[in-house]
Amino acid sequence: MRAELLAWYGDCGRTLPWRNIDNSYAIWISEIMLQQTQVKTVLPYYQRWLEQFPTVEALAAADQQTVLKAWEGLGYYARARNLHQAAQRIVAEHNGEIPKDFDTITTLPGIGKTTAGGILSSAFNLPHAILDGNVKRVLARLVALPVPPARALKDLWQLSEILLDPTNPRDFNQALMDLGATLCTRRNPQCDRCPCQAHCQAYNRNIQSELPMSETKGPLPHKQIGVAVIWNEQDQILIDRRKQEGLLGGLWEFPGGKIEPGETIEDCIAREIQEELGIEIAVGDRLCTVTHAYSHFKVTLNVHHCTHLSGEPQPIECDEVRWVTLDTIEEYPFPKANIHIINALRAYAAGQTPVDVVETAPST
């Protein structure tokens, strides 16, 4: 099976800019960007990232806001914070060299078992297995796994390690990933073209479309949020920077919070701004609404123009507050949902009607 898979990879493997290069830093960047994100989404970010931060030293020397701005729109922002912190440790503790030892590299922020295996096999051709989403699907079908992959991770890791070609782990791991990405897809797998067809228990039982099994999921929680675009007399807008820990840590946003049961949007916004920033505002007209899906919940941002009345903004529930103009707001890294608000503000400033946004697919 190894020989058949590697032969197929030689003929049909994808050509990607982080493959077959002598640059462990660039390979590390690609592995982090590809966590939970599709190749087509990653490609332009990867190219721009290497132009802006061509070496681990350049990344380590950058400030966090610059790093987050470069990552803006790619999602799962903890990855960018972890990259930045890991780069600083690689420079400080490893002379700027990506560690080749598994136990050492997994002590760096953002590098777990499968990411370490991807880096070490791709960059150094070392025999370490991987188990990303594509590989889980291939292996689950190969053995006709009778439970969802999340319930059999130990068994799947063991299988990935047994199958790994010890003499050519780089190509073998990439072949497994390519098989899952191009032929052994979630829907409508192309079994007639698969090099592993003869070995696949799911195919031999004609149950490949039923596997891998999935966990039963309930509906996504949907949160209603009141959001304030607060203007002062100088036509500046108030933004705040989220705390480092948690979802979207370190990014800037328009302030606001969850609408409580029985509370109007306007009352929510006024209350949240008093609690979070310690200022009084007048809540004005609606600007837009933005419905945005994350992997585990949805939010609808109900956005209103507001006027600053009194008080000096304080970072009570955030790391920093700042007054900015619509011309300079582009300098700050924002979550994707907030970028829609900025677009609505630009439309409003141009005398156009802002467009409401509804995103149904989870953000990446």
Protein backbone atom coordinates (compact mmCIF):
# COMPACT_ATOMS: atom_id res chain seq x y z
CA MET A 1 0.00 0.00 0.00
CA ARG A 2 2.87 2.39 0.77
CA ALA A 3 4.35 1.81 -2.67
CA GLU A 4 1.00 2.31 -4.40
CA LEU A 5 0.24 5.50 -2.46
CA LEU A 6 3.70 6.97 -3.10
CA ALA A 7 3.48 6.13 -6.80
CA TRP A 8 0.11 7.88 -6.99
CA TYR A 9 1.54 10.89 -5.13
CA GLY A 10 4.41 11.08 -7.61
CA ASP A 11 1.92 11.32 -10.46
CA CYS A 12 -0.98 13.21 -8.87
CA GLY A 13 0.29 15.03 -5.78
CA ARG A 14 -0.51 18.71 -5.44
CA THR A 15 2.13 21.32 -6.20
CA LEU A 16 2.19 23.68 -3.21
CA PRO A 17 4.70 26.45 -2.41
CA TRP A 18 5.70 25.00 0.98
CA ARG A 19 6.58 21.57 -0.39
CA ASN A 20 10.05 20.36 -1.28
CA ILE A 21 11.74 23.52 -0.04
CA ASP A 22 14.75 23.91 2.21
CA ASN A 23 13.12 26.40 4.57
CA SER A 24 11.90 24.97 7.88
CA TYR A 25 10.57 28.39 8.94
CA ALA A 26 8.29 28.64 5.88
CA ILE A 27 7.12 25.04 6.40
CA TRP A 28 6.28 25.81 10.04
CA ILE A 29 4.25 28.86 8.95
CA SER A 30 2.32 26.77 6.43
CA GLU A 31 1.54 24.04 8.97
CA ILE A 32 0.09 26.58 11.43
CA MET A 33 -1.93 28.38 8.74
CA LEU A 34 -3.33 25.06 7.48
CA GLN A 35 -4.75 24.16 10.89
CA GLN A 36 -8.55 24.18 10.32
CA THR A 37 -8.16 26.25 7.14
CA GLN A 38 -8.33 25.19 3.49
CA VAL A 39 -5.35 25.43 1.16
CA LYS A 40 -7.06 27.88 -1.22
CA THR A 41 -7.68 30.27 1.70
CA VAL A 42 -4.13 29.94 3.03
CA LEU A 43 -2.21 30.48 -0.22
CA PRO A 44 -2.43 34.31 -0.49
CA TYR A 45 -1.83 34.75 3.25
CA TYR A 46 1.22 32.49 3.13
CA GLN A 47 2.81 34.47 0.29
CA ARG A 48 2.13 37.85 1.94
CA TRP A 49 3.35 36.59 5.30
CA LEU A 50 6.73 35.51 3.94
CA GLU A 51 7.12 38.85 2.18
CA GLN A 52 6.43 40.72 5.42
CA PHE A 53 8.20 38.30 7.81
CA PRO A 54 10.78 36.45 5.66
CA THR A 55 12.63 34.92 8.63
CA VAL A 56 11.91 33.77 12.15
CA GLU A 57 13.99 36.71 13.38
CA ALA A 58 11.79 39.16 11.46
CA LEU A 59 8.65 37.62 12.97
CA ALA A 60 10.11 37.65 16.49
CA ALA A 61 11.08 41.33 16.17
CA ALA A 62 7.61 42.46 15.00
CA ASP A 63 5.04 43.83 17.46
CA GLN A 64 1.92 41.80 18.09
CA GLN A 65 -0.44 44.26 16.39
CA THR A 66 1.55 44.03 13.16
CA VAL A 67 1.41 40.24 13.34
CA LEU A 68 -2.35 40.20 13.98
CA LYS A 69 -2.93 42.67 11.15
CA ALA A 70 -1.07 40.34 8.76
CA TRP A 71 -3.31 37.50 9.95
CA GLU A 72 -6.53 39.54 9.72
CA GLY A 73 -9.34 37.54 8.10
CA LEU A 74 -7.66 34.13 8.41
CA GLY A 75 -9.47 33.29 11.65
CA TYR A 76 -8.52 31.35 14.78
CA TYR A 77 -6.29 34.21 15.88
CA ALA A 78 -4.65 32.29 18.71
CA ARG A 79 -2.56 30.74 15.93
CA ALA A 80 -1.03 34.13 15.11
CA ARG A 81 -0.34 34.93 18.76
CA ASN A 82 1.25 31.49 19.21
CA LEU A 83 3.39 31.93 16.09
CA HIS A 84 4.68 35.24 17.39
CA GLN A 85 5.47 33.88 20.85
CA ALA A 86 7.07 30.73 19.42
CA ALA A 87 9.25 32.81 17.07
CA GLN A 88 10.53 34.82 20.02
CA ARG A 89 11.37 31.62 21.89
CA ILE A 90 13.06 30.06 18.84
CA VAL A 91 15.29 33.12 18.55
CA ALA A 92 15.98 33.35 22.28
CA GLU A 93 16.35 29.65 23.10
CA HIS A 94 17.26 27.86 19.85
CA ASN A 95 19.52 30.31 17.97
CA GLY A 96 16.79 30.95 15.41
CA GLU A 97 16.63 27.30 14.34
CA ILE A 98 13.40 25.28 14.28
CA PRO A 99 13.96 22.38 16.74
CA LYS A 100 14.29 18.95 15.14
CA ASP A 101 13.48 17.07 18.35
CA PHE A 102 9.82 16.10 18.82
CA ASP A 103 9.74 16.69 22.58
CA THR A 104 11.39 20.07 22.17
CA ILE A 105 9.28 21.37 19.31
CA THR A 106 6.02 20.43 21.07
CA THR A 107 6.92 22.74 23.96
CA LEU A 108 6.51 25.72 21.63
CA PRO A 109 3.14 27.53 21.64
CA GLY A 110 0.66 26.25 19.05
CA ILE A 111 2.55 23.07 18.13
CA GLY A 112 0.74 19.87 19.06
CA LYS A 113 1.41 16.30 18.05
CA THR A 114 0.14 16.42 14.46
CA THR A 115 1.60 19.85 13.71
CA ALA A 116 4.96 18.66 15.05
CA GLY A 117 4.74 15.57 12.86
CA GLY A 118 3.95 17.72 9.84
CA ILE A 119 6.85 20.09 10.45
CA LEU A 120 9.42 17.42 11.26
CA SER A 121 8.50 15.15 8.36
CA SER A 122 8.13 17.95 5.79
CA ALA A 123 11.12 20.05 6.81
CA PHE A 124 13.58 17.35 7.86
CA ASN A 125 12.15 14.08 6.45
CA LEU A 126 12.01 12.66 9.96
CA PRO A 127 9.71 9.66 10.64
CA HIS A 128 6.87 11.27 12.58
CA ALA A 129 3.22 10.50 11.83
CA ILE A 130 0.40 13.01 11.39
CA LEU A 131 -3.35 12.91 12.04
CA ASP A 132 -5.07 15.95 10.57
CA GLY A 133 -8.68 15.97 9.37
CA ASN A 134 -7.90 14.57 5.93
CA VAL A 135 -5.79 11.74 7.34
CA LYS A 136 -8.45 10.85 9.93
CA ARG A 137 -10.99 10.44 7.13
CA VAL A 138 -8.67 8.28 5.00
CA LEU A 139 -7.75 6.02 7.90
CA ALA A 140 -11.33 5.76 9.18
CA ARG A 141 -12.45 4.48 5.77
CA LEU A 142 -9.41 2.27 5.35
CA VAL A 143 -10.34 0.24 8.46
CA ALA A 144 -14.12 0.93 8.35
CA LEU A 145 -13.91 2.60 11.74
CA PRO A 146 -17.17 1.79 13.60
CA VAL A 147 -17.16 4.93 15.76
CA PRO A 148 -16.57 8.66 15.11
CA PRO A 149 -12.83 9.43 14.79
CA ALA A 150 -12.89 11.61 17.92
CA ARG A 151 -13.65 8.46 19.94
CA ALA A 152 -10.76 6.46 18.46
CA LEU A 153 -7.85 8.90 18.35
CA LYS A 154 -5.45 6.50 20.07
CA ASP A 155 -6.21 3.77 17.52
CA LEU A 156 -5.94 6.19 14.58
CA TRP A 157 -2.59 7.51 15.82
CA GLN A 158 -1.32 3.95 16.12
CA LEU A 159 -2.50 3.18 12.58
CA SER A 160 -0.89 6.34 11.18
CA GLU A 161 2.39 5.44 12.89
CA ILE A 162 2.30 1.83 11.61
CA LEU A 163 1.56 2.88 8.03
CA LEU A 164 4.21 5.62 7.91
CA ASP A 165 6.99 4.90 5.46
CA PRO A 166 10.13 5.21 7.64
CA THR A 167 12.40 5.83 4.66
CA ASN A 168 10.27 8.53 3.03
CA PRO A 169 8.01 10.03 5.71
CA ARG A 170 7.88 13.44 3.99
CA ASP A 171 6.24 12.20 0.80
CA PHE A 172 4.14 9.59 2.59
CA ASN A 173 2.50 12.07 4.96
CA GLN A 174 1.90 14.52 2.13
CA ALA A 175 0.44 11.71 0.03
CA LEU A 176 -2.03 10.81 2.79
CA MET A 177 -3.10 14.45 3.09
CA ASP A 178 -3.47 14.82 -0.68
CA LEU A 179 -5.50 11.63 -0.88
CA GLY A 180 -7.96 12.99 1.66
CA ALA A 181 -8.05 16.43 0.06
CA THR A 182 -8.55 15.34 -3.56
CA LEU A 183 -10.04 11.81 -3.76
CA CYS A 184 -11.10 10.55 -0.33
CA THR A 185 -13.29 13.60 0.23
CA ARG A 186 -16.09 13.91 2.78
CA ARG A 187 -18.77 13.66 0.09
CA ASN A 188 -18.65 11.68 -3.15
CA PRO A 189 -15.23 10.03 -2.69
CA GLN A 190 -13.63 9.08 -6.02
CA CYS A 191 -12.88 5.48 -5.13
CA ASP A 192 -12.38 4.46 -8.74
CA ARG A 193 -9.17 6.56 -8.83
CA CYS A 194 -7.90 5.71 -5.34
CA PRO A 195 -4.53 3.91 -5.05
CA CYS A 196 -5.67 2.34 -1.77
CA GLN A 197 -8.93 0.92 -3.11
CA ALA A 198 -7.91 -2.74 -2.76
CA HIS A 199 -6.93 -2.20 0.88
CA CYS A 200 -9.98 -0.12 1.90
CA GLN A 201 -12.53 -1.94 4.05
CA ALA A 202 -15.13 0.82 3.63
CA TYR A 203 -14.93 0.48 -0.17
CA ASN A 204 -15.01 -3.30 -0.03
CA ARG A 205 -18.17 -3.12 2.11
CA ASN A 206 -19.65 -0.31 -0.02
CA ILE A 207 -20.05 1.95 3.02
CA GLN A 208 -17.51 4.63 2.07
CA SER A 209 -20.20 7.31 1.85
CA GLU A 210 -21.34 6.53 5.39
CA LEU A 211 -17.89 6.94 6.92
CA PRO A 212 -16.36 8.43 8.88
CA MET A 213 -19.20 8.44 11.37
CA SER A 214 -19.99 11.83 12.88
CA GLU A 215 -21.16 12.92 16.29
CA THR A 216 -24.74 14.11 16.57
CA LYS A 217 -24.71 17.87 16.97
CA GLY A 218 -27.46 20.16 18.19
CA PRO A 219 -28.21 23.59 16.73
CA LEU A 220 -25.56 26.26 17.16
CA PRO A 221 -26.24 28.72 20.01
CA HIS A 222 -27.13 32.13 18.56
CA LYS A 223 -26.17 35.23 20.56
CA GLN A 224 -27.64 38.68 20.01
CA ILE A 225 -25.08 41.44 20.61
CA GLY A 226 -25.53 45.20 20.87
CA VAL A 227 -22.61 47.10 19.30
CA ALA A 228 -21.77 50.80 19.56
CA VAL A 229 -20.04 52.98 16.98
CA ILE A 230 -19.27 55.86 19.34
CA TRP A 231 -18.50 59.24 17.77
CA ASN A 232 -16.96 62.24 19.52
CA GLU A 233 -17.04 65.90 18.51
CA GLN A 234 -13.87 65.47 16.41
CA ASP A 235 -15.58 62.80 14.24
CA GLN A 236 -13.42 60.10 15.83
CA ILE A 237 -14.65 56.59 16.61
CA LEU A 238 -13.93 54.68 19.84
CA ILE A 239 -12.46 51.19 19.53
CA ASP A 240 -11.08 48.83 22.17
CA ARG A 241 -8.58 45.98 22.15
CA ARG A 242 -9.71 42.61 23.51
CA LYS A 243 -7.82 40.94 26.33
CA GLN A 244 -5.08 38.54 25.22
CA GLU A 245 -6.73 35.39 26.51
CA GLY A 246 -9.80 33.88 24.89
CA LEU A 247 -11.53 34.22 21.53
CA LEU A 248 -10.09 36.91 19.23
CA GLY A 249 -7.56 37.94 21.88
CA GLY A 250 -5.48 41.02 21.07
CA LEU A 251 -7.76 42.19 18.25
CA TRP A 252 -9.56 45.53 18.14
CA GLU A 253 -13.35 45.80 18.00
CA PHE A 254 -16.30 48.11 18.38
CA PRO A 255 -17.49 47.89 22.00
CA GLY A 256 -20.71 46.23 23.07
CA GLY A 257 -22.08 43.09 24.62
CA LYS A 258 -24.82 40.47 24.90
CA ILE A 259 -28.44 41.59 24.93
CA GLU A 260 -30.11 40.34 28.11
CA PRO A 261 -33.64 38.82 28.07
CA GLY A 262 -36.25 41.56 27.89
CA GLU A 263 -33.66 44.25 27.13
CA THR A 264 -33.85 46.49 24.07
CA ILE A 265 -30.82 46.86 21.80
CA GLU A 266 -30.50 50.52 22.79
CA ASP A 267 -30.63 49.77 26.53
CA CYS A 268 -28.09 46.97 26.11
CA ILE A 269 -25.63 49.22 24.30
CA ALA A 270 -25.90 52.03 26.86
CA ARG A 271 -25.47 49.56 29.76
CA GLU A 272 -22.54 47.69 28.20
CA ILE A 273 -20.66 50.90 27.38
CA GLN A 274 -21.09 52.15 30.95
CA GLU A 275 -19.90 48.78 32.36
CA GLU A 276 -17.01 48.25 29.93
CA LEU A 277 -15.73 51.80 29.36
CA GLY A 278 -17.21 53.91 32.16
CA ILE A 279 -18.73 56.56 29.87
CA GLU A 280 -22.18 57.94 29.10
CA ILE A 281 -23.44 57.80 25.52
CA ALA A 282 -26.57 58.59 23.57
CA VAL A 283 -27.64 55.65 21.41
CA GLY A 284 -28.72 56.79 17.96
CA ASP A 285 -29.77 55.29 14.65
CA ARG A 286 -29.13 51.75 13.54
CA LEU A 287 -26.13 51.36 11.19
CA CYS A 288 -26.37 47.70 10.20
CA THR A 289 -26.62 44.13 11.43
CA VAL A 290 -23.97 41.47 10.90
CA THR A 291 -24.68 37.78 11.47
CA HIS A 292 -21.46 35.81 11.72
CA ALA A 293 -20.92 32.07 12.25
CA TYR A 294 -18.08 30.64 14.31
CA SER A 295 -17.42 26.93 14.68
CA HIS A 296 -19.48 26.53 17.87
CA PHE A 297 -21.92 29.46 17.87
CA LYS A 298 -23.39 32.32 15.86
CA VAL A 299 -23.62 36.00 16.69
CA THR A 300 -25.76 38.78 15.32
CA LEU A 301 -24.21 42.20 15.86
CA ASN A 302 -26.87 44.89 16.10
CA VAL A 303 -24.85 48.03 15.36
CA HIS A 304 -25.94 51.58 16.24
CA HIS A 305 -24.39 55.00 15.87
CA CYS A 306 -23.76 56.52 19.31
CA THR A 307 -22.64 59.91 20.59
CA HIS A 308 -20.15 60.34 23.42
CA LEU A 309 -21.71 62.49 26.15
CA SER A 310 -19.41 62.41 29.17
CA GLY A 311 -16.59 60.57 30.90
CA GLU A 312 -13.10 59.51 29.86
CA PRO A 313 -13.10 56.01 28.30
CA GLN A 314 -11.44 53.47 30.60
CA PRO A 315 -10.22 49.95 29.63
CA ILE A 316 -12.30 48.26 32.35
CA GLU A 317 -13.08 45.05 30.41
CA CYS A 318 -10.39 45.30 27.72
CA ASP A 319 -6.66 45.95 27.34
CA GLU A 320 -6.75 49.34 25.63
CA VAL A 321 -9.09 51.99 24.20
CA ARG A 322 -8.39 54.45 21.42
CA TRP A 323 -10.10 57.18 19.41
CA VAL A 324 -9.46 56.73 15.68
CA THR A 325 -10.69 58.22 12.44
CA LEU A 326 -12.30 56.32 9.61
CA ASP A 327 -9.17 57.05 7.57
CA THR A 328 -6.79 55.46 10.11
CA ILE A 329 -8.97 52.56 11.30
CA GLU A 330 -7.40 50.37 8.58
CA GLU A 331 -4.17 50.28 10.61
CA TYR A 332 -5.74 48.11 13.33
CA PRO A 333 -6.41 44.35 13.17
CA PHE A 334 -10.13 43.53 13.53
CA PRO A 335 -12.14 40.30 13.54
CA LYS A 336 -13.94 39.55 10.29
CA ALA A 337 -17.37 40.47 11.65
CA ASN A 338 -16.08 43.91 12.64
CA ILE A 339 -14.60 44.44 9.18
CA HIS A 340 -18.17 44.28 7.87
CA ILE A 341 -19.02 47.13 10.27
CA ILE A 342 -16.09 49.17 8.93
CA ASN A 343 -17.37 48.58 5.39
CA ALA A 344 -20.82 49.77 6.51
CA LEU A 345 -19.24 52.91 7.98
CA ARG A 346 -17.44 53.63 4.74
CA ALA A 347 -20.71 53.25 2.85
CA TYR A 348 -22.45 55.54 5.35
CA ALA A 349 -19.68 58.16 4.98
CA ALA A 350 -20.07 58.00 1.20
CA GLY A 351 -23.81 58.64 1.45
CA GLN A 352 -24.72 55.05 0.58
CA THR A 353 -27.01 52.65 2.41
CA PRO A 354 -24.96 50.15 4.46
CA VAL A 355 -25.63 46.51 3.64
CA ASP A 356 -26.59 43.96 6.29
CA VAL A 357 -24.44 40.81 6.24
CA VAL A 358 -25.48 37.22 6.98
CA GLU A 359 -22.78 34.54 6.97
CA THR A 360 -24.03 30.99 7.40
CA ALA A 361 -20.76 29.06 7.06
CA PRO A 362 -18.47 28.86 10.12
CA SER A 363 -15.61 31.35 10.14
CA THR A 364 -12.14 29.92 9.56
